[in-house]
Amino acid sequence: MKGRLIAWDPVKQEAAWAFEHKSPWNGGVLSTAGGLVFQGTADAHFAAYDAGTGDQLWKFFTQTGIVAPPISYEIDGEQYLAVASGWGGSYVLALGGVMPTGSAAKVGRILVFKVGGSDALPELPDTMVDLPAPPKATASAETVAVGFAAYATNCVVCHGDHAMSSGLVPNLRYSALLGDANGWNMVVREGAFAERGMGSFGEVFDAETAEAIRAYVISEANSGRDEAFYEKVMNDTQ
């Protein structure tokens, strides 16, 4: 999937120009009297375009994607641009894991720019950790299918397609609870992590369905799909 910034000619009812982005879910747009258009992108950049031609004139690596629109204001005769960075929303939760853009999670901030500004962003935190190996997939195909149906209906909107999280919420593929059926049930059905935002689904799933969801996530964790998806998308977006 791709994204596109389009300048639309309302008289001719056609595009005056278009700039191709590497992915969808990009930020809002600001146009200025000086003939510039500003927009943040999902691949963690904030850029300026020529309003007449669509040529990209400048861009800045923001470390995390931008969904919000920028604003412009003046203080003591000096112009500033401000934008809230932070890649989030329904697309990111559901598809951000299988369609990575190079945007880091949980490093959002308010960014302010001016002509001649020279400050730099702090270094990104080191997120490399040793990930645990998942339990072996031993459930039947029928059980995994039941778990997939329940996951797709209730879980994908937060924990991601194919149980691949964008990093905004825990990645279930590496959860210690995959090897703990009782603990999984306590979280999913009894609300053990309710204070962390994971409410109880006890009225939605019976114990058998909750266990089927665990079997589905284990199956996905053993599929190798995360590495294959990530390598393909990163090659496509570089």
Protein backbone atom coordinates (compact mmCIF):
# COMPACT_ATOMS: atom_id res chain seq x y z
CA MET A 1 0.00 0.00 0.00
CA LYS A 2 1.17 3.49 -0.83
CA GLY A 3 0.22 7.06 0.02
CA ARG A 4 0.00 10.20 -2.05
CA LEU A 5 -0.10 13.96 -1.47
CA ILE A 6 -2.29 15.51 -4.19
CA ALA A 7 -2.84 19.15 -5.15
CA TRP A 8 -6.30 19.30 -6.68
CA ASP A 9 -7.38 21.83 -9.32
CA PRO A 10 -11.06 22.55 -8.52
CA VAL A 11 -11.66 24.26 -11.86
CA LYS A 12 -10.21 21.54 -14.10
CA GLN A 13 -11.33 18.82 -11.65
CA GLU A 14 -7.98 17.07 -11.91
CA ALA A 15 -4.73 16.74 -10.03
CA ALA A 16 -2.31 19.64 -10.53
CA TRP A 17 0.49 17.49 -9.12
CA ALA A 18 1.03 14.52 -6.84
CA PHE A 19 3.87 13.36 -4.61
CA GLU A 20 4.15 9.64 -3.90
CA HIS A 21 4.68 8.47 -0.31
CA LYS A 22 6.04 5.09 0.72
CA SER A 23 2.97 4.17 2.76
CA PRO A 24 -0.53 5.37 3.68
CA TRP A 25 -1.69 7.02 6.92
CA ASN A 26 0.26 10.24 6.49
CA GLY A 27 -0.31 13.54 8.27
CA GLY A 28 -2.52 16.54 7.70
CA VAL A 29 -1.41 19.37 5.41
CA LEU A 30 -0.57 23.05 5.89
CA SER A 31 -0.23 25.47 2.96
CA THR A 32 1.32 28.89 3.47
CA ALA A 33 1.14 32.26 1.72
CA GLY A 34 4.78 31.80 0.82
CA GLY A 35 3.92 29.04 -1.64
CA LEU A 36 4.90 26.08 0.52
CA VAL A 37 3.03 22.96 1.59
CA PHE A 38 4.06 21.10 4.76
CA GLN A 39 3.17 17.53 5.72
CA GLY A 40 4.39 14.83 8.07
CA THR A 41 4.55 11.22 6.92
CA ALA A 42 4.18 7.70 8.25
CA ASP A 43 7.83 6.96 7.48
CA ALA A 44 8.92 9.48 10.13
CA HIS A 45 9.61 12.65 8.15
CA PHE A 46 8.35 16.22 8.08
CA ALA A 47 8.71 17.82 4.67
CA ALA A 48 8.14 21.00 2.65
CA TYR A 49 6.88 21.01 -0.94
CA ASP A 50 6.63 23.65 -3.64
CA ALA A 51 2.92 24.49 -3.79
CA GLY A 52 3.14 25.14 -7.53
CA THR A 53 5.05 22.06 -8.67
CA GLY A 54 4.94 19.53 -5.81
CA ASP A 55 8.73 19.28 -5.68
CA GLN A 56 10.01 18.26 -2.26
CA LEU A 57 12.26 21.08 -1.09
CA TRP A 58 13.26 19.90 2.41
CA LYS A 59 12.63 17.07 4.85
CA PHE A 60 13.54 16.26 8.43
CA PHE A 61 13.72 12.81 10.08
CA THR A 62 11.28 12.89 13.01
CA GLN A 63 12.03 9.37 14.38
CA THR A 64 8.31 8.53 14.54
CA GLY A 65 5.48 8.96 12.07
CA ILE A 66 3.24 12.02 11.96
CA VAL A 67 -0.55 11.92 11.64
CA ALA A 68 -1.42 15.41 12.90
CA PRO A 69 -1.46 18.54 10.71
CA PRO A 70 1.17 21.23 11.33
CA ILE A 71 0.44 24.84 12.27
CA SER A 72 2.29 28.08 11.61
CA TYR A 73 2.52 31.08 13.96
CA GLU A 74 4.57 34.21 14.51
CA ILE A 75 6.32 35.55 17.61
CA ASP A 76 8.15 38.89 17.53
CA GLY A 77 8.23 38.86 13.75
CA GLU A 78 9.68 35.34 13.48
CA GLN A 79 7.73 32.49 11.89
CA TYR A 80 7.52 29.05 13.49
CA LEU A 81 6.08 25.71 12.39
CA ALA A 82 4.85 23.22 14.96
CA VAL A 83 3.56 19.68 14.59
CA ALA A 84 2.72 16.84 16.97
CA SER A 85 4.69 13.74 16.04
CA GLY A 86 3.56 10.25 17.00
CA TRP A 87 2.36 7.46 14.74
CA GLY A 88 -0.95 6.09 15.94
CA GLY A 89 -4.57 5.40 15.10
CA SER A 90 -6.57 2.43 13.86
CA TYR A 91 -4.39 1.72 10.83
CA VAL A 92 -1.24 1.61 12.94
CA LEU A 93 -2.78 -0.68 15.55
CA ALA A 94 -4.24 -3.13 13.04
CA LEU A 95 -1.64 -3.07 10.25
CA GLY A 96 1.44 -1.32 11.63
CA GLY A 97 3.12 -4.62 12.44
CA VAL A 98 2.74 -6.18 8.99
CA MET A 99 3.43 -2.89 7.16
CA PRO A 100 6.35 -1.31 9.07
CA THR A 101 7.49 2.11 7.88
CA GLY A 102 10.64 2.71 9.91
CA SER A 103 8.67 4.74 12.44
CA ALA A 104 9.67 4.14 16.07
CA ALA A 105 6.93 3.65 18.66
CA LYS A 106 6.44 5.72 21.80
CA VAL A 107 8.81 8.60 20.97
CA GLY A 108 6.20 11.18 20.01
CA ARG A 109 6.72 14.84 20.88
CA ILE A 110 5.84 18.38 19.80
CA LEU A 111 8.32 19.53 17.15
CA VAL A 112 8.84 23.23 16.44
CA PHE A 113 10.86 24.54 13.48
CA LYS A 114 12.14 27.94 12.41
CA VAL A 115 14.54 29.20 9.76
CA GLY A 116 18.08 28.79 11.10
CA GLY A 117 17.09 26.35 13.85
CA SER A 118 19.93 23.98 14.72
CA ASP A 119 18.74 21.77 17.59
CA ALA A 120 18.82 17.98 17.11
CA LEU A 121 16.56 15.26 18.42
CA PRO A 122 17.88 13.00 21.18
CA GLU A 123 19.15 9.58 20.16
CA LEU A 124 16.52 6.89 19.75
CA PRO A 125 16.44 4.46 22.69
CA ASP A 126 17.97 1.05 22.12
CA THR A 127 15.06 -1.35 21.74
CA MET A 128 17.04 -4.46 20.85
CA VAL A 129 16.19 -7.25 23.27
CA ASP A 130 16.53 -11.02 23.25
CA LEU A 131 13.07 -12.26 22.32
CA PRO A 132 11.84 -15.54 23.80
CA ALA A 133 11.15 -18.47 21.49
CA PRO A 134 7.43 -19.30 21.29
CA PRO A 135 6.00 -22.62 22.48
CA LYS A 136 5.69 -25.31 19.83
CA ALA A 137 2.48 -25.24 17.82
CA THR A 138 0.62 -28.42 18.76
CA ALA A 139 -3.06 -27.45 18.41
CA SER A 140 -5.22 -28.91 15.67
CA ALA A 141 -6.02 -26.95 12.52
CA GLU A 142 -9.65 -26.79 13.64
CA THR A 143 -8.70 -25.19 16.97
CA VAL A 144 -6.41 -22.68 15.26
CA ALA A 145 -9.24 -21.79 12.85
CA VAL A 146 -11.59 -21.09 15.76
CA GLY A 147 -8.91 -18.93 17.37
CA PHE A 148 -8.30 -17.05 14.14
CA ALA A 149 -12.01 -16.23 13.76
CA ALA A 150 -12.25 -14.95 17.33
CA TYR A 151 -8.99 -13.00 17.05
CA ALA A 152 -10.01 -11.40 13.75
CA THR A 153 -13.33 -10.31 15.22
CA ASN A 154 -12.14 -8.99 18.57
CA CYS A 155 -8.35 -8.69 18.89
CA VAL A 156 -6.89 -7.53 15.59
CA VAL A 157 -7.90 -3.88 16.08
CA CYS A 158 -5.38 -3.52 18.92
CA HIS A 159 -2.89 -6.38 18.65
CA GLY A 160 -2.48 -6.31 14.87
CA ASP A 161 -3.07 -8.44 11.82
CA HIS A 162 -1.41 -11.87 12.08
CA ALA A 163 -0.83 -11.06 15.78
CA MET A 164 1.94 -8.64 14.76
CA SER A 165 1.89 -5.47 16.85
CA SER A 166 3.30 -2.16 15.67
CA GLY A 167 4.83 -1.64 19.10
CA LEU A 168 2.10 0.60 20.50
CA VAL A 169 0.74 -2.38 22.44
CA PRO A 170 2.45 -5.63 23.47
CA ASN A 171 3.37 -8.07 20.70
CA LEU A 172 1.49 -11.23 21.61
CA ARG A 173 3.89 -13.38 19.60
CA TYR A 174 6.51 -12.87 22.32
CA SER A 175 4.23 -12.95 25.35
CA ALA A 176 5.31 -15.17 28.22
CA LEU A 177 1.64 -16.06 28.58
CA LEU A 178 1.73 -18.12 25.38
CA GLY A 179 3.24 -20.89 27.46
CA ASP A 180 0.91 -20.35 30.41
CA ALA A 181 -2.68 -21.36 29.67
CA ASN A 182 -3.91 -20.36 33.12
CA GLY A 183 -2.21 -16.96 32.99
CA TRP A 184 -3.57 -16.35 29.49
CA ASN A 185 -7.09 -17.08 30.71
CA MET A 186 -6.64 -14.76 33.70
CA VAL A 187 -5.65 -11.88 31.42
CA VAL A 188 -8.09 -12.50 28.56
CA ARG A 189 -11.17 -13.54 30.50
CA GLU A 190 -10.62 -12.35 34.07
CA GLY A 191 -9.10 -8.93 33.42
CA ALA A 192 -5.81 -9.42 35.29
CA PHE A 193 -4.24 -6.61 33.19
CA ALA A 194 -7.26 -4.30 33.26
CA GLU A 195 -5.24 -1.52 34.87
CA ARG A 196 -2.84 -1.66 31.91
CA GLY A 197 -5.67 -1.21 29.42
CA MET A 198 -6.43 -4.86 28.63
CA GLY A 199 -10.01 -5.28 29.80
CA SER A 200 -11.79 -8.51 30.58
CA PHE A 201 -13.30 -10.45 27.68
CA GLY A 202 -14.98 -12.95 29.98
CA GLU A 203 -18.40 -12.06 28.63
CA VAL A 204 -17.18 -12.38 25.04
CA PHE A 205 -15.08 -15.57 25.09
CA ASP A 206 -15.62 -18.81 26.93
CA ALA A 207 -12.54 -20.63 28.19
CA GLU A 208 -12.37 -22.87 25.11
CA THR A 209 -12.37 -19.91 22.71
CA ALA A 210 -9.75 -18.04 24.72
CA GLU A 211 -7.55 -21.12 24.54
CA ALA A 212 -8.16 -21.32 20.78
CA ILE A 213 -6.95 -17.72 20.43
CA ARG A 214 -3.79 -18.65 22.31
CA ALA A 215 -3.33 -21.58 19.90
CA TYR A 216 -3.75 -19.23 16.92
CA VAL A 217 -1.16 -16.76 18.26
CA ILE A 218 1.27 -19.62 18.92
CA SER A 219 0.72 -20.79 15.34
CA GLU A 220 1.46 -17.32 14.01
CA ALA A 221 4.52 -16.96 16.25
CA ASN A 222 5.93 -20.13 14.70
CA SER A 223 5.06 -19.20 11.12
CA GLY A 224 8.11 -17.02 10.38
CA ARG A 225 5.67 -14.57 8.85
CA ASP A 226 6.97 -11.59 10.82
CA GLU A 227 10.47 -11.82 9.37
CA ALA A 228 9.15 -12.36 5.82
CA PHE A 229 6.70 -9.46 6.01
CA TYR A 230 9.23 -7.11 7.55
CA GLU A 231 11.96 -7.88 5.02
CA LYS A 232 9.61 -7.42 2.06
CA VAL A 233 8.09 -4.17 3.27
CA MET A 234 11.40 -2.64 4.26
CA ASN A 235 12.82 -3.49 0.85
CA ASP A 236 9.78 -1.90 -0.79
CA THR A 237 10.02 1.30 1.27
CA GLN A 238 13.76 1.97 1.14
